PDB file of all heavy atoms in Angstrom:
ATOM      1  N   ALA A   1      87.369  96.288  28.903  1.00  0.00           N
ATOM      2  CA  ALA A   1      87.066  97.709  29.015  1.00  0.00           C
ATOM      3  C   ALA A   1      87.363  98.421  27.703  1.00  0.00           C
ATOM      4  O   ALA A   1      86.565  99.248  27.224  1.00  0.00           O
ATOM      5  CB  ALA A   1      87.871  98.325  30.161  1.00  0.00           C
ATOM      6  N   SER A   2      88.493  98.101  27.083  1.00  0.00           N
ATOM      7  CA  SER A   2      88.845  98.723  25.805  1.00  0.00           C
ATOM      8  C   SER A   2      87.866  98.317  24.712  1.00  0.00           C
ATOM      9  O   SER A   2      87.435  99.152  23.906  1.00  0.00           O
ATOM     10  CB  SER A   2      90.267  98.325  25.399  1.00  0.00           C
ATOM     11  OG  SER A   2      91.207  98.798  26.340  1.00  0.00           O
ATOM     12  N   PHE A   3      87.516  97.027  24.679  1.00  0.00           N
ATOM     13  CA  PHE A   3      86.584  96.538  23.661  1.00  0.00           C
ATOM     14  C   PHE A   3      85.223  97.208  23.783  1.00  0.00           C
ATOM     15  O   PHE A   3      84.651  97.666  22.781  1.00  0.00           O
ATOM     16  CB  PHE A   3      86.435  95.030  23.783  1.00  0.00           C
ATOM     17  CG  PHE A   3      85.356  94.454  22.903  1.00  0.00           C
ATOM     18  CD1 PHE A   3      85.592  94.237  21.550  1.00  0.00           C
ATOM     19  CD2 PHE A   3      84.104  94.146  23.413  1.00  0.00           C
ATOM     20  CE1 PHE A   3      84.597  93.728  20.726  1.00  0.00           C
ATOM     21  CE2 PHE A   3      83.105  93.632  22.598  1.00  0.00           C
ATOM     22  CZ  PHE A   3      83.353  93.423  21.255  1.00  0.00           C
ATOM     23  N   LEU A   4      84.687  97.277  24.995  1.00  0.00           N
ATOM     24  CA  LEU A   4      83.367  97.874  25.185  1.00  0.00           C
ATOM     25  C   LEU A   4      83.380  99.359  24.850  1.00  0.00           C
ATOM     26  O   LEU A   4      82.428  99.882  24.254  1.00  0.00           O
ATOM     27  CB  LEU A   4      82.891  97.654  26.616  1.00  0.00           C
ATOM     28  CG  LEU A   4      82.688  96.205  27.061  1.00  0.00           C
ATOM     29  CD1 LEU A   4      82.182  96.152  28.494  1.00  0.00           C
ATOM     30  CD2 LEU A   4      81.740  95.459  26.134  1.00  0.00           C
ATOM     31  N   TYR A   5      84.451 100.039  25.221  1.00  0.00           N
ATOM     32  CA  TYR A   5      84.539 101.478  24.970  1.00  0.00           C
ATOM     33  C   TYR A   5      84.665 101.777  23.482  1.00  0.00           C
ATOM     34  O   TYR A   5      83.984 102.656  22.943  1.00  0.00           O
ATOM     35  CB  TYR A   5      85.731 102.059  25.733  1.00  0.00           C
ATOM     36  CG  TYR A   5      85.819 103.567  25.682  1.00  0.00           C
ATOM     37  CD1 TYR A   5      85.164 104.350  26.635  1.00  0.00           C
ATOM     38  CD2 TYR A   5      86.562 104.208  24.695  1.00  0.00           C
ATOM     39  CE1 TYR A   5      85.242 105.738  26.593  1.00  0.00           C
ATOM     40  CE2 TYR A   5      86.646 105.593  24.649  1.00  0.00           C
ATOM     41  CZ  TYR A   5      85.987 106.346  25.596  1.00  0.00           C
ATOM     42  OH  TYR A   5      86.063 107.725  25.544  1.00  0.00           O
ATOM     43  N   ILE A   6      85.528 101.013  22.795  1.00  0.00           N
ATOM     44  CA  ILE A   6      85.815 101.301  21.387  1.00  0.00           C
ATOM     45  C   ILE A   6      84.773 100.679  20.454  1.00  0.00           C
ATOM     46  O   ILE A   6      84.250 101.340  19.555  1.00  0.00           O
ATOM     47  CB  ILE A   6      87.224 100.802  21.021  1.00  0.00           C
ATOM     48  CG1 ILE A   6      88.273 101.567  21.825  1.00  0.00           C
ATOM     49  CG2 ILE A   6      87.478 100.949  19.518  1.00  0.00           C
ATOM     50  CD1 ILE A   6      89.680 101.030  21.684  1.00  0.00           C
ATOM     51  N   SER A   7      84.467  99.385  20.677  1.00  0.00           N
ATOM     52  CA  SER A   7      83.605  98.666  19.735  1.00  0.00           C
ATOM     53  C   SER A   7      82.123  98.899  19.971  1.00  0.00           C
ATOM     54  O   SER A   7      81.338  98.960  19.030  1.00  0.00           O
ATOM     55  CB  SER A   7      83.910  97.164  19.793  1.00  0.00           C
ATOM     56  OG  SER A   7      85.246  96.915  19.401  1.00  0.00           O
ATOM     57  N   LEU A   8      81.723  99.005  21.230  1.00  0.00           N
ATOM     58  CA  LEU A   8      80.300  99.171  21.536  1.00  0.00           C
ATOM     59  C   LEU A   8      79.957 100.606  21.930  1.00  0.00           C
ATOM     60  O   LEU A   8      78.785 100.897  22.183  1.00  0.00           O
ATOM     61  CB  LEU A   8      79.884  98.210  22.657  1.00  0.00           C
ATOM     62  CG  LEU A   8      79.996  96.722  22.352  1.00  0.00           C
ATOM     63  CD1 LEU A   8      79.381  95.896  23.492  1.00  0.00           C
ATOM     64  CD2 LEU A   8      79.321  96.368  21.030  1.00  0.00           C
ATOM     65  N   GLY A   9      80.961 101.458  22.010  1.00  0.00           N
ATOM     66  CA  GLY A   9      80.689 102.849  22.369  1.00  0.00           C
ATOM     67  C   GLY A   9      80.176 103.015  23.776  1.00  0.00           C
ATOM     68  O   GLY A   9      79.431 103.970  24.061  1.00  0.00           O
ATOM     69  N   GLU A  10      80.571 102.113  24.672  1.00  0.00           N
ATOM     70  CA  GLU A  10      80.074 102.156  26.051  1.00  0.00           C
ATOM     71  C   GLU A  10      80.662 103.348  26.797  1.00  0.00           C
ATOM     72  O   GLU A  10      81.863 103.589  26.765  1.00  0.00           O
ATOM     73  CB  GLU A  10      80.443 100.868  26.784  1.00  0.00           C
ATOM     74  CG  GLU A  10      79.999 100.822  28.242  1.00  0.00           C
ATOM     75  CD  GLU A  10      78.499 101.038  28.378  1.00  0.00           C
ATOM     76  OE1 GLU A  10      77.725 100.329  27.694  1.00  0.00           O
ATOM     77  OE2 GLU A  10      78.105 101.914  29.170  1.00  0.00           O
ATOM     78  N   ARG A  11      79.769 104.081  27.492  1.00  0.00           N
ATOM     79  CA  ARG A  11      80.195 105.235  28.271  1.00  0.00           C
ATOM     80  C   ARG A  11      79.662 105.190  29.700  1.00  0.00           C
ATOM     81  O   ARG A  11      79.561 106.214  30.371  1.00  0.00           O
ATOM     82  CB  ARG A  11      79.752 106.529  27.579  1.00  0.00           C
ATOM     83  CG  ARG A  11      80.369 106.752  26.208  1.00  0.00           C
ATOM     84  CD  ARG A  11      81.891 106.869  26.276  1.00  0.00           C
ATOM     85  NE  ARG A  11      82.480 107.163  24.972  1.00  0.00           N
ATOM     86  CZ  ARG A  11      82.919 106.234  24.134  1.00  0.00           C
ATOM     87  NH1 ARG A  11      82.837 104.940  24.463  1.00  0.00           N
ATOM     88  NH2 ARG A  11      83.455 106.572  22.979  1.00  0.00           N
ATOM     89  N   GLY A  12      79.309 103.986  30.161  1.00  0.00           N
ATOM     90  CA  GLY A  12      78.948 103.844  31.565  1.00  0.00           C
ATOM     91  C   GLY A  12      77.491 103.604  31.848  1.00  0.00           C
ATOM     92  O   GLY A  12      77.113 103.398  33.006  1.00  0.00           O
ATOM     93  N   SER A  13      76.632 103.602  30.820  1.00  0.00           N
ATOM     94  CA  SER A  13      75.201 103.445  31.061  1.00  0.00           C
ATOM     95  C   SER A  13      74.685 102.045  30.756  1.00  0.00           C
ATOM     96  O   SER A  13      73.549 101.712  31.084  1.00  0.00           O
ATOM     97  CB  SER A  13      74.412 104.463  30.225  1.00  0.00           C
ATOM     98  OG  SER A  13      74.666 104.257  28.835  1.00  0.00           O
ATOM     99  N   GLY A  14      75.487 101.208  30.101  1.00  0.00           N
ATOM    100  CA  GLY A  14      75.035  99.884  29.678  1.00  0.00           C
ATOM    101  C   GLY A  14      75.064  98.851  30.792  1.00  0.00           C
ATOM    102  O   GLY A  14      75.771  98.995  31.789  1.00  0.00           O
ATOM    103  N   ARG A  15      74.264  97.798  30.590  1.00  0.00           N
ATOM    104  CA  ARG A  15      74.213  96.683  31.528  1.00  0.00           C
ATOM    105  C   ARG A  15      74.834  95.461  30.857  1.00  0.00           C
ATOM    106  O   ARG A  15      74.553  95.160  29.705  1.00  0.00           O
ATOM    107  CB  ARG A  15      72.763  96.371  31.935  1.00  0.00           C
ATOM    108  CG  ARG A  15      72.621  95.244  32.950  1.00  0.00           C
ATOM    109  CD  ARG A  15      71.161  94.887  33.184  1.00  0.00           C
ATOM    110  NE  ARG A  15      70.386  96.010  33.671  1.00  0.00           N
ATOM    111  CZ  ARG A  15      69.418  96.602  32.981  1.00  0.00           C
ATOM    112  NH1 ARG A  15      69.094  96.175  31.767  1.00  0.00           N
ATOM    113  NH2 ARG A  15      68.756  97.623  33.485  1.00  0.00           N
ATOM    114  N   TYR A  16      75.670  94.710  31.618  1.00  0.00           N
ATOM    115  CA  TYR A  16      76.362  93.550  31.079  1.00  0.00           C
ATOM    116  C   TYR A  16      76.269  92.382  32.053  1.00  0.00           C
ATOM    117  O   TYR A  16      76.228  92.573  33.276  1.00  0.00           O
ATOM    118  CB  TYR A  16      77.839  93.872  30.808  1.00  0.00           C
ATOM    119  CG  TYR A  16      78.012  94.972  29.793  1.00  0.00           C
ATOM    120  CD1 TYR A  16      78.039  96.307  30.195  1.00  0.00           C
ATOM    121  CD2 TYR A  16      78.096  94.684  28.435  1.00  0.00           C
ATOM    122  CE1 TYR A  16      78.168  97.328  29.269  1.00  0.00           C
ATOM    123  CE2 TYR A  16      78.223  95.703  27.501  1.00  0.00           C
ATOM    124  CZ  TYR A  16      78.249  97.023  27.930  1.00  0.00           C
ATOM    125  OH  TYR A  16      78.365  98.021  27.013  1.00  0.00           O
ATOM    126  N   LEU A  17      76.235  91.181  31.489  1.00  0.00           N
ATOM    127  CA  LEU A  17      76.149  89.969  32.297  1.00  0.00           C
ATOM    128  C   LEU A  17      77.403  89.139  32.084  1.00  0.00           C
ATOM    129  O   LEU A  17      77.750  88.798  30.959  1.00  0.00           O
ATOM    130  CB  LEU A  17      74.917  89.146  31.890  1.00  0.00           C
ATOM    131  CG  LEU A  17      74.841  87.712  32.443  1.00  0.00           C
ATOM    132  CD1 LEU A  17      74.783  87.718  33.966  1.00  0.00           C
ATOM    133  CD2 LEU A  17      73.644  86.976  31.838  1.00  0.00           C
ATOM    134  N   ASP A  18      78.098  88.818  33.183  1.00  0.00           N
ATOM    135  CA  ASP A  18      79.212  87.870  33.114  1.00  0.00           C
ATOM    136  C   ASP A  18      78.665  86.489  33.432  1.00  0.00           C
ATOM    137  O   ASP A  18      78.435  86.147  34.578  1.00  0.00           O
ATOM    138  CB  ASP A  18      80.317  88.262  34.096  1.00  0.00           C
ATOM    139  CG  ASP A  18      81.571  87.420  33.897  1.00  0.00           C
ATOM    140  OD1 ASP A  18      81.805  86.978  32.756  1.00  0.00           O
ATOM    141  OD2 ASP A  18      82.302  87.202  34.876  1.00  0.00           O
ATOM    142  N   TYR A  19      78.422  85.725  32.384  1.00  0.00           N
ATOM    143  CA  TYR A  19      77.818  84.391  32.491  1.00  0.00           C
ATOM    144  C   TYR A  19      78.905  83.378  32.816  1.00  0.00           C
ATOM    145  O   TYR A  19      79.996  83.445  32.289  1.00  0.00           O
ATOM    146  CB  TYR A  19      77.147  84.044  31.166  1.00  0.00           C
ATOM    147  CG  TYR A  19      76.161  82.905  31.227  1.00  0.00           C
ATOM    148  CD1 TYR A  19      74.903  83.075  31.790  1.00  0.00           C
ATOM    149  CD2 TYR A  19      76.482  81.661  30.698  1.00  0.00           C
ATOM    150  CE1 TYR A  19      73.992  82.047  31.830  1.00  0.00           C
ATOM    151  CE2 TYR A  19      75.577  80.616  30.725  1.00  0.00           C
ATOM    152  CZ  TYR A  19      74.329  80.818  31.305  1.00  0.00           C
ATOM    153  OH  TYR A  19      73.420  79.782  31.339  1.00  0.00           O
ATOM    154  N   ALA A  20      78.590  82.433  33.709  1.00  0.00           N
ATOM    155  CA  ALA A  20      79.609  81.512  34.228  1.00  0.00           C
ATOM    156  C   ALA A  20      80.728  82.322  34.866  1.00  0.00           C
ATOM    157  O   ALA A  20      81.914  82.138  34.587  1.00  0.00           O
ATOM    158  CB  ALA A  20      80.139  80.593  33.129  1.00  0.00           C
ATOM    159  N   GLY A  21      80.325  83.220  35.741  1.00  0.00           N
ATOM    160  CA  GLY A  21      81.237  84.235  36.284  1.00  0.00           C
ATOM    161  C   GLY A  21      82.112  83.812  37.433  1.00  0.00           C
ATOM    162  O   GLY A  21      82.789  84.672  38.014  1.00  0.00           O
ATOM    163  N   GLY A  22      82.119  82.507  37.788  1.00  0.00           N
ATOM    164  CA  GLY A  22      83.016  82.048  38.840  1.00  0.00           C
ATOM    165  C   GLY A  22      82.757  82.730  40.161  1.00  0.00           C
ATOM    166  O   GLY A  22      81.604  82.924  40.570  1.00  0.00           O
ATOM    167  N   TYR A  23      83.814  83.114  40.844  1.00  0.00           N
ATOM    168  CA  TYR A  23      83.690  83.750  42.154  1.00  0.00           C
ATOM    169  C   TYR A  23      83.285  85.219  42.077  1.00  0.00           C
ATOM    170  O   TYR A  23      83.139  85.871  43.099  1.00  0.00           O
ATOM    171  CB  TYR A  23      85.003  83.637  42.925  1.00  0.00           C
ATOM    172  CG  TYR A  23      85.317  82.242  43.411  1.00  0.00           C
ATOM    173  CD1 TYR A  23      86.624  81.862  43.694  1.00  0.00           C
ATOM    174  CD2 TYR A  23      84.312  81.296  43.608  1.00  0.00           C
ATOM    175  CE1 TYR A  23      86.918  80.588  44.138  1.00  0.00           C
ATOM    176  CE2 TYR A  23      84.590  80.027  44.048  1.00  0.00           C
ATOM    177  CZ  TYR A  23      85.901  79.667  44.319  1.00  0.00           C
ATOM    178  OH  TYR A  23      86.192  78.409  44.765  1.00  0.00           O
ATOM    179  N   GLY A  24      83.138  85.750  40.872  1.00  0.00           N
ATOM    180  CA  GLY A  24      82.722  87.140  40.719  1.00  0.00           C
ATOM    181  C   GLY A  24      83.875  88.116  40.571  1.00  0.00           C
ATOM    182  O   GLY A  24      83.651  89.329  40.616  1.00  0.00           O
ATOM    183  N   LEU A  25      85.077  87.607  40.358  1.00  0.00           N
ATOM    184  CA  LEU A  25      86.242  88.487  40.277  1.00  0.00           C
ATOM    185  C   LEU A  25      86.154  89.435  39.085  1.00  0.00           C
ATOM    186  O   LEU A  25      86.372  90.647  39.227  1.00  0.00           O
ATOM    187  CB  LEU A  25      87.525  87.651  40.195  1.00  0.00           C
ATOM    188  CG  LEU A  25      88.830  88.439  40.028  1.00  0.00           C
ATOM    189  CD1 LEU A  25      89.004  89.452  41.145  1.00  0.00           C
ATOM    190  CD2 LEU A  25      90.018  87.481  39.963  1.00  0.00           C
ATOM    191  N   LEU A  26      85.819  88.910  37.908  1.00  0.00           N
ATOM    192  CA  LEU A  26      85.748  89.771  36.729  1.00  0.00           C
ATOM    193  C   LEU A  26      84.619  90.794  36.856  1.00  0.00           C
ATOM    194  O   LEU A  26      84.787  91.962  36.490  1.00  0.00           O
ATOM    195  CB  LEU A  26      85.557  88.934  35.472  1.00  0.00           C
ATOM    196  CG  LEU A  26      85.566  89.710  34.160  1.00  0.00           C
ATOM    197  CD1 LEU A  26      86.895  90.426  33.962  1.00  0.00           C
ATOM    198  CD2 LEU A  26      85.280  88.792  32.981  1.00  0.00           C
ATOM    199  N   THR A  27      83.488  90.369  37.381  1.00  0.00           N
ATOM    200  CA  THR A  27      82.384  91.305  37.606  1.00  0.00           C
ATOM    201  C   THR A  27      82.820  92.445  38.516  1.00  0.00           C
ATOM    202  O   THR A  27      82.549  93.624  38.254  1.00  0.00           O
ATOM    203  CB  THR A  27      81.176  90.575  38.222  1.00  0.00           C
ATOM    204  OG1 THR A  27      80.725  89.576  37.310  1.00  0.00           O
ATOM    205  CG2 THR A  27      80.044  91.541  38.516  1.00  0.00           C
ATOM    206  N   ARG A  28      83.529  92.096  39.585  1.00  0.00           N
ATOM    207  CA  ARG A  28      84.012  93.108  40.521  1.00  0.00           C
ATOM    208  C   ARG A  28      84.996  94.060  39.855  1.00  0.00           C
ATOM    209  O   ARG A  28      84.933  95.296  40.019  1.00  0.00           O
ATOM    210  CB  ARG A  28      84.690  92.410  41.687  1.00  0.00           C
ATOM    211  CG  ARG A  28      85.261  93.294  42.760  1.00  0.00           C
ATOM    212  CD  ARG A  28      84.196  93.797  43.709  1.00  0.00           C
ATOM    213  NE  ARG A  28      83.547  95.015  43.261  1.00  0.00           N
ATOM    214  CZ  ARG A  28      82.438  95.509  43.788  1.00  0.00           C
ATOM    215  NH1 ARG A  28      81.818  94.862  44.742  1.00  0.00           N
ATOM    216  NH2 ARG A  28      81.926  96.625  43.352  1.00  0.00           N
ATOM    217  N   LEU A  29      85.934  93.515  39.084  1.00  0.00           N
ATOM    218  CA  LEU A  29      86.921  94.351  38.407  1.00  0.00           C
ATOM    219  C   LEU A  29      86.274  95.299  37.404  1.00  0.00           C
ATOM    220  O   LEU A  29      86.668  96.467  37.284  1.00  0.00           O
ATOM    221  CB  LEU A  29      87.951  93.464  37.693  1.00  0.00           C
ATOM    222  CG  LEU A  29      88.917  92.693  38.583  1.00  0.00           C
ATOM    223  CD1 LEU A  29      89.716  91.696  37.756  1.00  0.00           C
ATOM    224  CD2 LEU A  29      89.851  93.644  39.326  1.00  0.00           C
ATOM    225  N   MET A  30      85.267  94.793  36.670  1.00  0.00           N
ATOM    226  CA  MET A  30      84.607  95.641  35.687  1.00  0.00           C
ATOM    227  C   MET A  30      83.769  96.728  36.359  1.00  0.00           C
ATOM    228  O   MET A  30      83.709  97.870  35.877  1.00  0.00           O
ATOM    229  CB  MET A  30      83.748  94.794  34.745  1.00  0.00           C
ATOM    230  CG  MET A  30      84.547  93.839  33.866  1.00  0.00           C
ATOM    231  SD  MET A  30      85.854  94.659  32.919  1.00  0.00           S
ATOM    232  CE  MET A  30      84.885  95.722  31.845  1.00  0.00           C
ATOM    233  N   ARG A  31      83.139  96.399  37.458  1.00  0.00           N
ATOM    234  CA  ARG A  31      82.377  97.409  38.190  1.00  0.00           C
ATOM    235  C   ARG A  31      83.315  98.460  38.776  1.00  0.00           C
ATOM    236  O   ARG A  31      82.986  99.647  38.821  1.00  0.00           O
ATOM    237  CB  ARG A  31      81.535  96.756  39.283  1.00  0.00           C
ATOM    238  CG  ARG A  31      80.437  95.856  38.745  1.00  0.00           C
ATOM    239  CD  ARG A  31      79.393  95.565  39.821  1.00  0.00           C
ATOM    240  NE  ARG A  31      78.618  96.758  40.124  1.00  0.00           N
ATOM    241  CZ  ARG A  31      77.512  97.138  39.487  1.00  0.00           C
ATOM    242  NH1 ARG A  31      77.031  96.394  38.495  1.00  0.00           N
ATOM    243  NH2 ARG A  31      76.867  98.226  39.830  1.00  0.00           N
ATOM    244  N   ASP A  32      84.492  98.037  39.222  1.00  0.00           N
ATOM    245  CA  ASP A  32      85.461  99.002  39.731  1.00  0.00           C
ATOM    246  C   ASP A  32      85.921  99.964  38.649  1.00  0.00           C
ATOM    247  O   ASP A  32      86.385 101.068  38.948  1.00  0.00           O
ATOM    248  CB  ASP A  32      86.676  98.263  40.315  1.00  0.00           C
ATOM    249  CG  ASP A  32      86.340  97.539  41.610  1.00  0.00           C
ATOM    250  OD1 ASP A  32      85.254  97.774  42.167  1.00  0.00           O
ATOM    251  OD2 ASP A  32      87.179  96.731  42.058  1.00  0.00           O
ATOM    252  N   ARG A  33      85.802  99.548  37.392  1.00  0.00           N
ATOM    253  CA  ARG A  33      86.155 100.408  36.267  1.00  0.00           C
ATOM    254  C   ARG A  33      84.977 101.227  35.767  1.00  0.00           C
ATOM    255  O   ARG A  33      85.086 101.928  34.771  1.00  0.00           O
ATOM    256  CB  ARG A  33      86.720  99.562  35.119  1.00  0.00           C
ATOM    257  CG  ARG A  33      88.139  99.076  35.361  1.00  0.00           C
ATOM    258  CD  ARG A  33      88.550  98.019  34.357  1.00  0.00           C
ATOM    259  NE  ARG A  33      89.978  97.762  34.376  1.00  0.00           N
ATOM    260  CZ  ARG A  33      90.596  97.058  35.295  1.00  0.00           C
ATOM    261  NH1 ARG A  33      89.905  96.522  36.296  1.00  0.00           N
ATOM    262  NH2 ARG A  33      91.909  96.878  35.250  1.00  0.00           N
ATOM    263  N   GLY A  34      83.835 101.082  36.420  1.00  0.00           N
ATOM    264  CA  GLY A  34      82.686 101.901  36.063  1.00  0.00           C
ATOM    265  C   GLY A  34      81.706 101.269  35.109  1.00  0.00           C
ATOM    266  O   GLY A  34      80.792 101.945  34.627  1.00  0.00           O
ATOM    267  N   PHE A  35      81.851  99.973  34.822  1.00  0.00           N
ATOM    268  CA  PHE A  35      80.941  99.277  33.923  1.00  0.00           C
ATOM    269  C   PHE A  35      79.872  98.539  34.724  1.00  0.00           C
ATOM    270  O   PHE A  35      80.153  97.955  35.769  1.00  0.00           O
ATOM    271  CB  PHE A  35      81.709  98.295  33.045  1.00  0.00           C
ATOM    272  CG  PHE A  35      82.658  98.933  32.090  1.00  0.00           C
ATOM    273  CD1 PHE A  35      83.980  99.167  32.448  1.00  0.00           C
ATOM    274  CD2 PHE A  35      82.236  99.343  30.824  1.00  0.00           C
ATOM    275  CE1 PHE A  35      84.860  99.767  31.569  1.00  0.00           C
ATOM    276  CE2 PHE A  35      83.111  99.946  29.940  1.00  0.00           C
ATOM    277  CZ  PHE A  35      84.428 100.168  30.318  1.00  0.00           C
ATOM    278  N   GLY A  36      78.643  98.541  34.200  1.00  0.00           N
ATOM    279  CA  GLY A  36      77.508  97.938  34.898  1.00  0.00           C
ATOM    280  C   GLY A  36      77.457  96.430  34.712  1.00  0.00           C
ATOM    281  O   GLY A  36      76.542  95.920  34.035  1.00  0.00           O
ATOM    282  N   PHE A  37      78.378  95.708  35.305  1.00  0.00           N
ATOM    283  CA  PHE A  37      78.451  94.256  35.170  1.00  0.00           C
ATOM    284  C   PHE A  37      77.689  93.564  36.294  1.00  0.00           C
ATOM    285  O   PHE A  37      77.676  94.024  37.439  1.00  0.00           O
ATOM    286  CB  PHE A  37      79.907  93.787  35.186  1.00  0.00           C
ATOM    287  CG  PHE A  37      80.484  93.591  33.808  1.00  0.00           C
ATOM    288  CD1 PHE A  37      80.653  94.682  32.958  1.00  0.00           C
ATOM    289  CD2 PHE A  37      80.840  92.341  33.350  1.00  0.00           C
ATOM    290  CE1 PHE A  37      81.168  94.522  31.690  1.00  0.00           C
ATOM    291  CE2 PHE A  37      81.353  92.161  32.086  1.00  0.00           C
ATOM    292  CZ  PHE A  37      81.526  93.255  31.243  1.00  0.00           C
ATOM    293  N   TYR A  38      77.073  92.428  35.920  1.00  0.00           N
ATOM    294  CA  TYR A  38      76.368  91.584  36.881  1.00  0.00           C
ATOM    295  C   TYR A  38      76.832  90.139  36.709  1.00  0.00           C
ATOM    296  O   TYR A  38      77.328  89.755  35.663  1.00  0.00           O
ATOM    297  CB  TYR A  38      74.850  91.700  36.697  1.00  0.00           C
ATOM    298  CG  TYR A  38      74.328  93.060  37.065  1.00  0.00           C
ATOM    299  CD1 TYR A  38      74.331  94.103  36.134  1.00  0.00           C
ATOM    300  CD2 TYR A  38      73.847  93.320  38.344  1.00  0.00           C
ATOM    301  CE1 TYR A  38      73.870  95.364  36.473  1.00  0.00           C
ATOM    302  CE2 TYR A  38      73.382  94.574  38.692  1.00  0.00           C
ATOM    303  CZ  TYR A  38      73.397  95.594  37.754  1.00  0.00           C
ATOM    304  OH  TYR A  38      72.942  96.837  38.100  1.00  0.00           O
ATOM    305  N   TRP A  39      76.649  89.361  37.746  1.00  0.00           N
ATOM    306  CA  TRP A  39      77.205  88.004  37.835  1.00  0.00           C
ATOM    307  C   TRP A  39      76.105  86.945  37.744  1.00  0.00           C
ATOM    308  O   TRP A  39      75.002  87.121  38.241  1.00  0.00           O
ATOM    309  CB  TRP A  39      77.935  87.863  39.167  1.00  0.00           C
ATOM    310  CG  TRP A  39      78.360  86.480  39.547  1.00  0.00           C
ATOM    311  CD1 TRP A  39      79.586  85.914  39.364  1.00  0.00           C
ATOM    312  CD2 TRP A  39      77.580  85.489  40.222  1.00  0.00           C
ATOM    313  NE1 TRP A  39      79.623  84.630  39.868  1.00  0.00           N
ATOM    314  CE2 TRP A  39      78.387  84.349  40.394  1.00  0.00           C
ATOM    315  CE3 TRP A  39      76.264  85.455  40.689  1.00  0.00           C
ATOM    316  CZ2 TRP A  39      77.929  83.187  41.008  1.00  0.00           C
ATOM    317  CZ3 TRP A  39      75.804  84.295  41.295  1.00  0.00           C
ATOM    318  CH2 TRP A  39      76.631  83.186  41.453  1.00  0.00           C
ATOM    319  N   LEU A  40      76.448  85.812  37.100  1.00  0.00           N
ATOM    320  CA  LEU A  40      75.562  84.645  37.091  1.00  0.00           C
ATOM    321  C   LEU A  40      76.413  83.404  36.883  1.00  0.00           C
ATOM    322  O   LEU A  40      77.249  83.365  35.982  1.00  0.00           O
ATOM    323  CB  LEU A  40      74.519  84.756  35.979  1.00  0.00           C
ATOM    324  CG  LEU A  40      73.437  83.655  35.932  1.00  0.00           C
ATOM    325  CD1 LEU A  40      72.585  83.700  37.196  1.00  0.00           C
ATOM    326  CD2 LEU A  40      72.562  83.843  34.696  1.00  0.00           C
ATOM    327  N   ASP A  41      76.217  82.395  37.733  1.00  0.00           N
ATOM    328  CA  ASP A  41      76.961  81.138  37.604  1.00  0.00           C
ATOM    329  C   ASP A  41      76.192  80.052  38.337  1.00  0.00           C
ATOM    330  O   ASP A  41      75.883  80.203  39.513  1.00  0.00           O
ATOM    331  CB  ASP A  41      78.370  81.266  38.185  1.00  0.00           C
ATOM    332  CG  ASP A  41      79.285  80.130  37.763  1.00  0.00           C
ATOM    333  OD1 ASP A  41      78.872  78.955  37.884  1.00  0.00           O
ATOM    334  OD2 ASP A  41      80.415  80.412  37.315  1.00  0.00           O
ATOM    335  N   ARG A  42      75.890  78.946  37.633  1.00  0.00           N
ATOM    336  CA  ARG A  42      75.112  77.868  38.229  1.00  0.00           C
ATOM    337  C   ARG A  42      75.947  76.961  39.119  1.00  0.00           C
ATOM    338  O   ARG A  42      75.401  76.188  39.909  1.00  0.00           O
ATOM    339  CB  ARG A  42      74.438  77.038  37.147  1.00  0.00           C
ATOM    340  CG  ARG A  42      75.366  76.175  36.327  1.00  0.00           C
ATOM    341  CD  ARG A  42      74.636  75.341  35.308  1.00  0.00           C
ATOM    342  NE  ARG A  42      73.981  76.159  34.305  1.00  0.00           N
ATOM    343  CZ  ARG A  42      73.280  75.664  33.293  1.00  0.00           C
ATOM    344  NH1 ARG A  42      73.143  74.354  33.165  1.00  0.00           N
ATOM    345  NH2 ARG A  42      72.732  76.468  32.405  1.00  0.00           N
ATOM    346  N   TYR A  43      77.274  77.020  38.992  1.00  0.00           N
ATOM    347  CA  TYR A  43      78.136  76.112  39.747  1.00  0.00           C
ATOM    348  C   TYR A  43      78.881  76.779  40.888  1.00  0.00           C
ATOM    349  O   TYR A  43      79.226  76.128  41.867  1.00  0.00           O
ATOM    350  CB  TYR A  43      79.178  75.472  38.807  1.00  0.00           C
ATOM    351  CG  TYR A  43      78.595  74.536  37.781  1.00  0.00           C
ATOM    352  CD1 TYR A  43      78.513  74.918  36.443  1.00  0.00           C
ATOM    353  CD2 TYR A  43      78.129  73.279  38.135  1.00  0.00           C
ATOM    354  CE1 TYR A  43      77.978  74.071  35.492  1.00  0.00           C
ATOM    355  CE2 TYR A  43      77.594  72.428  37.192  1.00  0.00           C
ATOM    356  CZ  TYR A  43      77.529  72.819  35.875  1.00  0.00           C
ATOM    357  OH  TYR A  43      76.995  71.977  34.925  1.00  0.00           O
ATOM    358  N   SER A  44      79.163  78.066  40.765  1.00  0.00           N
ATOM    359  CA  SER A  44      80.072  78.721  41.700  1.00  0.00           C
ATOM    360  C   SER A  44      79.340  79.691  42.622  1.00  0.00           C
ATOM    361  O   SER A  44      78.399  80.358  42.208  1.00  0.00           O
ATOM    362  CB  SER A  44      81.151  79.480  40.927  1.00  0.00           C
ATOM    363  OG  SER A  44      82.009  80.180  41.808  1.00  0.00           O
ATOM    364  N   PRO A  45      79.807  79.805  43.876  1.00  0.00           N
ATOM    365  CA  PRO A  45      79.262  80.850  44.749  1.00  0.00           C
ATOM    366  C   PRO A  45      79.809  82.209  44.356  1.00  0.00           C
ATOM    367  O   PRO A  45      80.926  82.329  43.828  1.00  0.00           O
ATOM    368  CB  PRO A  45      79.771  80.433  46.141  1.00  0.00           C
ATOM    369  CG  PRO A  45      81.049  79.701  45.864  1.00  0.00           C
ATOM    370  CD  PRO A  45      80.818  78.973  44.567  1.00  0.00           C
TER     371      PRO A  45
END
């Protein structure tokens, strides 16, 4: 969240992909913080 806000200037409108995202925990946490994260993983549900 700090990196995206400071380095990429993210203010809530961007789309992000968590590749190899496992069970989706990080995607869920980032969405709870207001970031547009999406999940993709070929091995994990």
